[in-house]
Amino acid sequence: MSERGEHSNNPHGLLKAKSQMGASYPERCMSDSKWTDFEFQCMKRALEVAKNGIGQVSPNPPVGCVLARNEEIIAEGWHDHLGDLHAEQAAIADAESRGVETQGATAFVTLEPCNHHGRTPPCTEALLWAGINRVVIAAEDTNPTVRGGGLEYLKRANIDVSQGLLESEALQQMSSFMHWCEYRRPIVTLKAALDCNGNVDSISGPPARFTSEESLDEVHRLRLQSDAVLVGVNTVIRDNPRLTVRRVNLGKSSQPLRIVLDRRLRTPVTSELVTDGNDTLLLHCEENEKSVECETILIPSLFSERRKRVDLEQLLDLLGDRIIQRLLVEGGPDVWGQFLSEKLVDEAYIFHSTINLEDGLKGGIDSKILENAGLVLINSENIGGDRMDYWRKS
């Protein structure tokens, strides 16, 4: 069963609310005006508990579920880690552990319940076994092998099904999974840190971090939420980065795959990416007898000698085939520049420091470039004295 959250005013972490519950509901989507306040409250709570699975359940999406009866939330659960109970099963187990009756309850689930056997039995069967008589979902599962199957199964079993409650919020929370299901490619997240002049590194001195400790924590959270982290070989040679999750709790997840674009296989055999025991993938296009203790793939067509560029479309297809759903592009400027110029960045986190590197290496990122890449500024936030701008594809 999923570990429960703590709520100071309610020892079980459950909610109560008064509302006029409708007697019947259509099977398809309902407009926002048709949902009651209590129903909104239930799905908001389901979305809240689903956050516990972010960075822990990939390639599955984070999903939350609450069970409600008589205008009271009686149980909740979420998909906690890969191989663990799904959200519906966790909510039912939560009710069982406290002796709460689930017969006749309504399940509010952020994603359509699965109807197939995988690492766990079908959630549709669990809901029927628990005596659930109504299911409200936020979003349909867009995986072609699943799409609509769970809802149809429940309807055939005479379960009242409603959908579309807080759908946009759920789709955003599960964006990398939904994107992969539709395009079989990862969402591309770009991360860059710039000094007050737009520089990313000092030309004269050794490499040094210039953003705040809090900004670094945020970068590690981004890594936790990513399936892979990508850099160019020049970044490896210059910085010898680890690109692992260290400053935030990894939980039961695994370290992201580190990917290096390395045309001539120049990655040092003594680099952290090669020697630390975590997964690294070097992509190169030239034959090389060099032996490195990590995975390498020779793809001559990936690098265009004429254009001096990487075939990013082919790269994203390759990563999608490996079920990489979120790719974090960390550097350097040449790699950022190509992703942006080809409009392949879905979102960007740009950290602006007040530090002046003086004779620095230009990052090649500014508002105009980001806008030309089809991104819009969503919000800015102070992170330990740095400004973090969040951009997203419009």
Protein backbone atom coordinates (compact mmCIF):
# COMPACT_ATOMS: atom_id res chain seq x y z
CA MET A 1 0.00 0.00 0.00
CA SER A 2 1.17 3.53 -0.69
CA GLU A 3 2.63 5.47 2.16
CA ARG A 4 0.09 8.00 3.42
CA GLY A 5 0.62 11.71 3.62
CA GLU A 6 0.22 13.60 6.89
CA HIS A 7 -2.47 16.20 7.49
CA SER A 8 -2.38 18.07 10.78
CA ASN A 9 -6.16 18.52 11.04
CA ASN A 10 -7.14 15.03 9.94
CA PRO A 11 -5.16 12.00 11.12
CA HIS A 12 -6.16 9.86 8.15
CA GLY A 13 -5.37 12.51 5.53
CA LEU A 14 -9.00 12.42 4.39
CA LEU A 15 -11.33 15.24 3.43
CA LYS A 16 -14.96 16.00 4.17
CA ALA A 17 -17.17 18.42 2.27
CA LYS A 18 -20.87 19.18 1.98
CA SER A 19 -22.35 19.27 -1.49
CA GLN A 20 -25.48 18.45 -3.46
CA MET A 21 -24.55 15.24 -5.27
CA GLY A 22 -26.35 14.68 -8.56
CA ALA A 23 -28.51 11.61 -8.95
CA SER A 24 -27.27 10.61 -12.40
CA TYR A 25 -24.35 11.42 -14.70
CA PRO A 26 -23.79 11.07 -18.44
CA GLU A 27 -21.25 8.53 -19.66
CA ARG A 28 -19.15 11.02 -21.61
CA CYS A 29 -17.49 14.32 -20.77
CA MET A 30 -19.34 16.88 -18.70
CA SER A 31 -18.82 20.63 -18.77
CA ASP A 32 -17.24 22.23 -15.72
CA SER A 33 -20.60 23.73 -14.72
CA LYS A 34 -22.07 20.23 -14.29
CA TRP A 35 -19.54 19.07 -11.71
CA THR A 36 -20.25 19.74 -8.06
CA ASP A 37 -17.82 21.42 -5.69
CA PHE A 38 -17.31 18.14 -3.89
CA GLU A 39 -16.47 16.35 -7.13
CA PHE A 40 -13.89 19.01 -7.93
CA GLN A 41 -12.48 18.57 -4.44
CA CYS A 42 -12.21 14.81 -4.91
CA MET A 43 -10.35 15.03 -8.22
CA LYS A 44 -8.07 17.79 -6.95
CA ARG A 45 -7.11 15.49 -4.10
CA ALA A 46 -6.51 12.64 -6.55
CA LEU A 47 -4.19 14.90 -8.56
CA GLU A 48 -2.42 15.96 -5.37
CA VAL A 49 -1.66 12.42 -4.20
CA ALA A 50 -0.61 11.45 -7.74
CA LYS A 51 2.37 13.79 -7.33
CA ASN A 52 3.92 11.20 -5.02
CA GLY A 53 4.63 9.07 -8.07
CA ILE A 54 6.37 11.73 -10.16
CA GLY A 55 9.92 10.61 -10.85
CA GLN A 56 9.19 7.16 -9.42
CA VAL A 57 6.92 5.29 -11.84
CA SER A 58 8.21 5.90 -15.38
CA PRO A 59 7.47 4.54 -17.96
CA ASN A 60 4.06 4.46 -16.25
CA PRO A 61 2.31 7.79 -15.61
CA PRO A 62 1.74 9.19 -12.11
CA VAL A 63 -1.86 8.39 -11.15
CA GLY A 64 -3.94 9.17 -8.08
CA CYS A 65 -7.29 7.86 -6.83
CA VAL A 66 -9.70 8.73 -4.04
CA LEU A 67 -12.79 6.83 -2.96
CA ALA A 68 -15.82 8.79 -1.78
CA ARG A 69 -19.20 7.97 -0.29
CA ASN A 70 -21.92 10.15 1.22
CA GLU A 71 -19.99 13.35 0.40
CA GLU A 72 -16.88 12.19 2.23
CA ILE A 73 -13.54 10.99 0.93
CA ILE A 74 -13.02 7.63 2.62
CA ALA A 75 -9.72 6.43 1.10
CA GLU A 76 -6.93 7.48 -1.24
CA GLY A 77 -3.99 5.94 -3.03
CA TRP A 78 -1.45 6.49 -5.77
CA HIS A 79 0.93 4.54 -7.96
CA ASP A 80 3.98 4.78 -5.73
CA HIS A 81 6.73 3.07 -7.70
CA LEU A 82 7.19 0.76 -10.67
CA GLY A 83 5.81 -2.68 -9.87
CA ASP A 84 3.76 -1.41 -6.91
CA LEU A 85 -0.03 -1.28 -6.70
CA HIS A 86 -1.79 0.99 -9.15
CA ALA A 87 -3.64 3.98 -7.71
CA GLU A 88 -7.07 2.31 -7.61
CA GLN A 89 -5.67 -0.79 -5.93
CA ALA A 90 -3.75 1.35 -3.42
CA ALA A 91 -6.91 3.29 -2.53
CA ILE A 92 -8.85 0.07 -1.99
CA ALA A 93 -6.00 -1.32 0.12
CA ASP A 94 -6.01 1.91 2.14
CA ALA A 95 -9.70 1.48 2.91
CA GLU A 96 -9.20 -2.18 3.83
CA SER A 97 -6.33 -1.39 6.18
CA ARG A 98 -8.60 0.87 8.21
CA GLY A 99 -11.73 -1.29 8.02
CA VAL A 100 -13.59 1.16 5.76
CA GLU A 101 -16.37 -0.30 3.62
CA THR A 102 -15.99 0.44 -0.12
CA GLN A 103 -19.31 -1.03 -1.32
CA GLY A 104 -21.29 1.62 -3.20
CA ALA A 105 -18.44 4.16 -3.23
CA THR A 106 -17.37 6.41 -6.12
CA ALA A 107 -13.80 6.25 -7.41
CA PHE A 108 -12.19 9.46 -8.68
CA VAL A 109 -9.16 8.52 -10.78
CA THR A 110 -6.83 10.81 -12.72
CA LEU A 111 -6.42 8.27 -15.56
CA GLU A 112 -8.68 5.66 -17.11
CA PRO A 113 -8.33 2.38 -15.15
CA CYS A 114 -6.31 -0.29 -16.92
CA ASN A 115 -8.03 -3.42 -18.17
CA HIS A 116 -5.05 -5.64 -18.91
CA HIS A 117 -2.62 -7.83 -17.00
CA GLY A 118 0.84 -6.32 -16.60
CA ARG A 119 2.97 -6.05 -13.49
CA THR A 120 -0.34 -5.92 -11.59
CA PRO A 121 -3.86 -7.29 -12.28
CA PRO A 122 -6.41 -5.04 -14.07
CA CYS A 123 -7.65 -2.10 -12.03
CA THR A 124 -11.11 -2.52 -13.55
CA GLU A 125 -11.43 -5.89 -11.83
CA ALA A 126 -10.22 -4.44 -8.54
CA LEU A 127 -12.89 -1.72 -8.70
CA LEU A 128 -15.63 -4.28 -9.35
CA TRP A 129 -14.35 -6.53 -6.56
CA ALA A 130 -14.45 -3.56 -4.15
CA GLY A 131 -18.09 -2.85 -5.00
CA ILE A 132 -17.46 0.54 -6.60
CA ASN A 133 -20.63 1.63 -8.41
CA ARG A 134 -19.41 4.84 -10.06
CA VAL A 135 -16.08 5.85 -11.60
CA VAL A 136 -15.08 9.41 -12.50
CA ILE A 137 -11.89 9.86 -14.51
CA ALA A 138 -9.98 12.95 -15.48
CA ALA A 139 -8.38 11.67 -18.71
CA GLU A 140 -8.55 8.68 -21.02
CA ASP A 141 -5.47 6.50 -21.41
CA THR A 142 -4.06 7.34 -24.86
CA ASN A 143 -1.84 4.27 -25.06
CA PRO A 144 -3.12 2.49 -28.23
CA THR A 145 -3.02 -0.88 -26.45
CA VAL A 146 -5.25 0.44 -23.65
CA ARG A 147 -7.30 3.34 -25.05
CA GLY A 148 -10.96 3.12 -24.04
CA GLY A 149 -10.75 -0.49 -22.90
CA GLY A 150 -11.09 0.27 -19.21
CA LEU A 151 -14.10 2.52 -19.65
CA GLU A 152 -15.90 0.07 -21.94
CA TYR A 153 -15.29 -2.79 -19.52
CA LEU A 154 -16.76 -0.79 -16.63
CA LYS A 155 -19.80 0.27 -18.67
CA ARG A 156 -20.51 -3.32 -19.68
CA ALA A 157 -20.43 -4.17 -15.97
CA ASN A 158 -23.12 -1.49 -15.40
CA ILE A 159 -20.76 0.87 -13.60
CA ASP A 160 -21.73 4.54 -13.93
CA VAL A 161 -18.82 6.21 -15.75
CA SER A 162 -18.13 9.94 -16.10
CA GLN A 163 -15.03 11.58 -17.56
CA GLY A 164 -13.36 14.92 -18.19
CA LEU A 165 -13.21 16.32 -14.64
CA LEU A 166 -10.01 18.44 -14.41
CA GLU A 167 -8.83 16.78 -17.60
CA SER A 168 -6.37 19.52 -18.63
CA GLU A 169 -4.68 19.42 -15.20
CA ALA A 170 -4.35 15.64 -15.41
CA LEU A 171 -2.98 15.76 -18.95
CA GLN A 172 -0.36 18.29 -17.87
CA GLN A 173 0.65 16.13 -14.91
CA MET A 174 1.03 13.10 -17.20
CA SER A 175 2.39 15.09 -20.16
CA SER A 176 5.49 12.99 -20.85
CA PHE A 177 3.49 9.74 -20.88
CA MET A 178 0.74 11.21 -23.06
CA HIS A 179 3.28 12.74 -25.47
CA TRP A 180 5.11 9.43 -25.84
CA CYS A 181 1.86 7.53 -26.43
CA GLU A 182 0.94 9.92 -29.25
CA TYR A 183 4.31 10.55 -30.91
CA ARG A 184 6.54 7.71 -29.63
CA ARG A 185 9.12 10.38 -28.79
CA PRO A 186 10.21 11.97 -25.51
CA ILE A 187 9.23 15.40 -24.34
CA VAL A 188 12.34 17.58 -24.60
CA THR A 189 13.16 19.72 -21.56
CA LEU A 190 16.04 22.17 -21.89
CA LYS A 191 17.97 23.36 -18.84
CA ALA A 192 20.47 26.22 -19.01
CA ALA A 193 22.23 28.44 -16.48
CA LEU A 194 23.40 31.91 -17.54
CA ASP A 195 25.36 34.62 -15.76
CA CYS A 196 24.20 38.25 -15.78
CA ASN A 197 25.63 38.69 -19.30
CA GLY A 198 24.16 35.51 -20.78
CA ASN A 199 27.40 33.54 -20.45
CA VAL A 200 27.57 29.87 -19.46
CA ASP A 201 31.24 29.47 -18.63
CA SER A 202 34.45 31.41 -18.09
CA ILE A 203 36.93 31.41 -20.96
CA SER A 204 39.99 32.13 -18.85
CA GLY A 205 39.42 30.04 -15.72
CA PRO A 206 38.49 26.46 -14.82
CA PRO A 207 34.82 25.42 -14.96
CA ALA A 208 32.91 26.54 -11.89
CA ARG A 209 29.26 26.57 -10.84
CA PHE A 210 27.83 30.05 -10.43
CA THR A 211 24.17 29.46 -9.59
CA SER A 212 22.75 29.09 -6.07
CA GLU A 213 22.49 25.93 -4.01
CA GLU A 214 18.71 26.12 -4.38
CA SER A 215 19.01 26.28 -8.17
CA LEU A 216 21.21 23.20 -8.09
CA ASP A 217 18.57 21.40 -6.02
CA GLU A 218 16.02 22.31 -8.67
CA VAL A 219 18.23 20.86 -11.41
CA HIS A 220 18.44 17.58 -9.50
CA ARG A 221 14.65 17.53 -9.25
CA LEU A 222 14.49 17.93 -13.02
CA ARG A 223 16.86 14.98 -13.42
CA LEU A 224 14.70 12.90 -11.08
CA GLN A 225 11.70 13.55 -13.32
CA SER A 226 13.62 12.67 -16.50
CA ASP A 227 14.33 9.31 -18.07
CA ALA A 228 17.53 10.53 -19.72
CA VAL A 229 19.94 13.47 -19.57
CA LEU A 230 21.76 14.55 -22.73
CA VAL A 231 24.97 16.56 -23.25
CA GLY A 232 27.52 17.07 -25.98
CA VAL A 233 31.01 15.62 -25.70
CA ASN A 234 32.59 19.06 -25.20
CA THR A 235 30.65 19.39 -21.94
CA VAL A 236 32.01 16.01 -20.80
CA ILE A 237 35.60 16.96 -21.65
CA ARG A 238 35.37 20.40 -20.06
CA ASP A 239 33.28 19.68 -16.93
CA ASN A 240 33.52 15.92 -16.31
CA PRO A 241 29.92 15.95 -14.98
CA ARG A 242 28.13 13.11 -13.24
CA LEU A 243 24.60 14.06 -14.35
CA THR A 244 23.06 11.96 -11.57
CA VAL A 245 20.38 12.65 -8.96
CA ARG A 246 22.14 13.35 -5.67
CA ARG A 247 20.71 16.41 -3.94
CA VAL A 248 17.10 15.16 -3.77
CA ASN A 249 15.76 11.80 -2.68
CA LEU A 250 15.95 9.27 -5.50
CA GLY A 251 13.35 7.12 -3.75
CA LYS A 252 12.81 3.78 -5.46
CA SER A 253 13.57 5.19 -8.87
CA SER A 254 16.76 4.62 -10.86
CA GLN A 255 19.30 7.13 -12.10
CA PRO A 256 18.50 8.63 -15.51
CA LEU A 257 20.34 7.33 -18.55
CA ARG A 258 23.21 9.71 -19.46
CA ILE A 259 23.51 10.29 -23.22
CA VAL A 260 26.54 11.87 -24.90
CA LEU A 261 26.56 13.11 -28.48
CA ASP A 262 30.13 12.16 -29.34
CA ARG A 263 30.80 12.11 -33.07
CA ARG A 264 34.38 10.76 -32.86
CA LEU A 265 34.12 8.93 -29.52
CA ARG A 266 36.28 11.44 -27.62
CA THR A 267 34.72 10.83 -24.21
CA PRO A 268 37.62 10.19 -21.78
CA VAL A 269 37.71 6.61 -20.51
CA THR A 270 38.36 7.98 -17.02
CA SER A 271 35.36 10.34 -17.01
CA GLU A 272 32.67 10.06 -14.34
CA LEU A 273 30.09 9.07 -16.94
CA VAL A 274 32.16 6.04 -17.91
CA THR A 275 33.47 4.91 -14.52
CA ASP A 276 30.75 5.57 -11.91
CA GLY A 277 28.71 2.44 -12.66
CA ASN A 278 25.53 4.20 -13.75
CA ASP A 279 24.09 3.82 -17.25
CA THR A 280 25.65 5.91 -20.00
CA LEU A 281 25.08 5.81 -23.76
CA LEU A 282 27.65 7.25 -26.17
CA LEU A 283 26.34 7.96 -29.67
CA HIS A 284 29.01 8.26 -32.35
CA CYS A 285 29.28 8.05 -36.14
CA GLU A 286 32.91 7.10 -36.82
CA GLU A 287 34.52 3.70 -36.40
CA ASN A 288 36.79 3.68 -33.37
CA GLU A 289 38.64 0.86 -31.62
CA LYS A 290 38.58 2.76 -28.34
CA SER A 291 37.24 0.63 -25.49
CA VAL A 292 34.98 2.32 -22.94
CA GLU A 293 33.09 0.70 -20.05
CA CYS A 294 29.64 1.85 -21.12
CA GLU A 295 27.17 1.34 -23.95
CA THR A 296 28.11 2.82 -27.32
CA ILE A 297 26.09 2.89 -30.53
CA LEU A 298 27.65 3.56 -33.92
CA ILE A 299 25.12 5.42 -36.08
CA PRO A 300 26.87 6.94 -39.13
CA SER A 301 23.65 8.62 -40.28
CA LEU A 302 23.11 10.41 -36.96
CA PHE A 303 25.75 13.07 -37.68
CA SER A 304 25.68 15.00 -40.94
CA GLU A 305 29.18 15.89 -42.10
CA ARG A 306 27.78 18.32 -44.65
CA ARG A 307 25.58 20.19 -42.19
CA LYS A 308 27.86 19.64 -39.17
CA ARG A 309 24.75 18.84 -37.18
CA VAL A 310 23.09 15.94 -35.44
CA ASP A 311 19.97 14.45 -36.98
CA LEU A 312 17.79 15.25 -33.97
CA GLU A 313 14.66 13.76 -35.52
CA GLN A 314 16.44 10.42 -35.79
CA LEU A 315 17.80 10.82 -32.28
CA LEU A 316 14.35 11.39 -30.78
CA ASP A 317 12.95 8.41 -32.68
CA LEU A 318 15.78 6.27 -31.30
CA LEU A 319 15.11 7.40 -27.74
CA GLY A 320 11.37 6.92 -28.15
CA ASP A 321 12.00 3.34 -29.21
CA ARG A 322 13.85 2.89 -25.92
CA ILE A 323 10.73 4.21 -24.10
CA ILE A 324 12.48 7.42 -23.04
CA GLN A 325 9.52 9.66 -22.27
CA ARG A 326 11.28 12.77 -20.94
CA LEU A 327 14.69 13.93 -22.13
CA LEU A 328 16.57 16.62 -20.21
CA VAL A 329 19.02 18.50 -22.44
CA GLU A 330 21.69 19.99 -20.16
CA GLY A 331 24.32 21.29 -22.55
CA GLY A 332 26.20 22.81 -24.00
CA PRO A 333 25.41 25.87 -26.15
CA ASP A 334 25.83 24.08 -29.49
CA VAL A 335 23.41 21.34 -28.44
CA TRP A 336 20.90 23.84 -27.02
CA GLY A 337 21.14 25.92 -30.16
CA GLN A 338 20.30 23.08 -32.50
CA PHE A 339 17.34 21.85 -30.45
CA LEU A 340 15.98 25.40 -30.30
CA SER A 341 16.58 26.26 -33.94
CA GLU A 342 14.75 23.10 -35.02
CA LYS A 343 11.87 23.90 -32.64
CA LEU A 344 12.21 20.57 -30.84
CA VAL A 345 12.19 21.95 -27.28
CA ASP A 346 8.88 21.41 -25.48
CA GLU A 347 9.81 23.28 -22.29
CA ALA A 348 12.81 25.14 -20.92
CA TYR A 349 14.10 26.05 -17.47
CA ILE A 350 16.51 28.96 -17.72
CA PHE A 351 18.41 29.95 -14.56
CA HIS A 352 19.67 33.54 -14.53
CA SER A 353 22.41 34.31 -12.02
CA THR A 354 23.57 37.76 -10.87
CA ILE A 355 27.20 36.54 -11.06
CA ASN A 356 29.39 38.14 -13.73
CA LEU A 357 31.76 35.69 -15.46
CA GLU A 358 33.21 38.62 -17.44
CA ASP A 359 35.04 37.11 -20.44
CA GLY A 360 32.65 34.21 -20.66
CA LEU A 361 31.36 31.80 -23.27
CA LYS A 362 28.02 32.95 -24.62
CA GLY A 363 25.09 30.64 -23.96
CA GLY A 364 23.25 31.62 -27.13
CA ILE A 365 19.92 31.82 -25.31
CA ASP A 366 17.73 34.86 -24.89
CA SER A 367 14.03 35.68 -24.98
CA LYS A 368 13.99 36.25 -28.73
CA ILE A 369 15.60 32.87 -29.45
CA LEU A 370 13.21 31.10 -27.11
CA GLU A 371 10.20 32.82 -28.68
CA ASN A 372 11.43 31.95 -32.18
CA ALA A 373 11.61 28.34 -31.00
CA GLY A 374 7.86 28.48 -30.35
CA LEU A 375 8.12 28.85 -26.57
CA VAL A 376 6.25 31.27 -24.34
CA LEU A 377 7.25 32.44 -20.86
CA ILE A 378 4.90 30.83 -18.35
CA ASN A 379 6.35 32.15 -15.11
CA SER A 380 9.47 33.43 -13.34
CA GLU A 381 10.51 32.40 -9.85
CA ASN A 382 13.22 33.43 -7.41
CA ILE A 383 15.37 30.40 -6.59
CA GLY A 384 17.95 31.27 -3.94
CA GLY A 385 18.64 34.67 -5.50
CA ASP A 386 18.64 33.37 -9.08
CA ARG A 387 15.74 33.93 -11.44
CA MET A 388 14.32 30.77 -12.95
CA ASP A 389 12.23 31.34 -16.08
CA TYR A 390 9.94 28.54 -17.18
CA TRP A 391 9.11 28.46 -20.90
CA ARG A 392 6.71 26.07 -22.59
CA LYS A 393 5.68 25.39 -26.17
CA SER A 394 2.61 27.38 -27.05
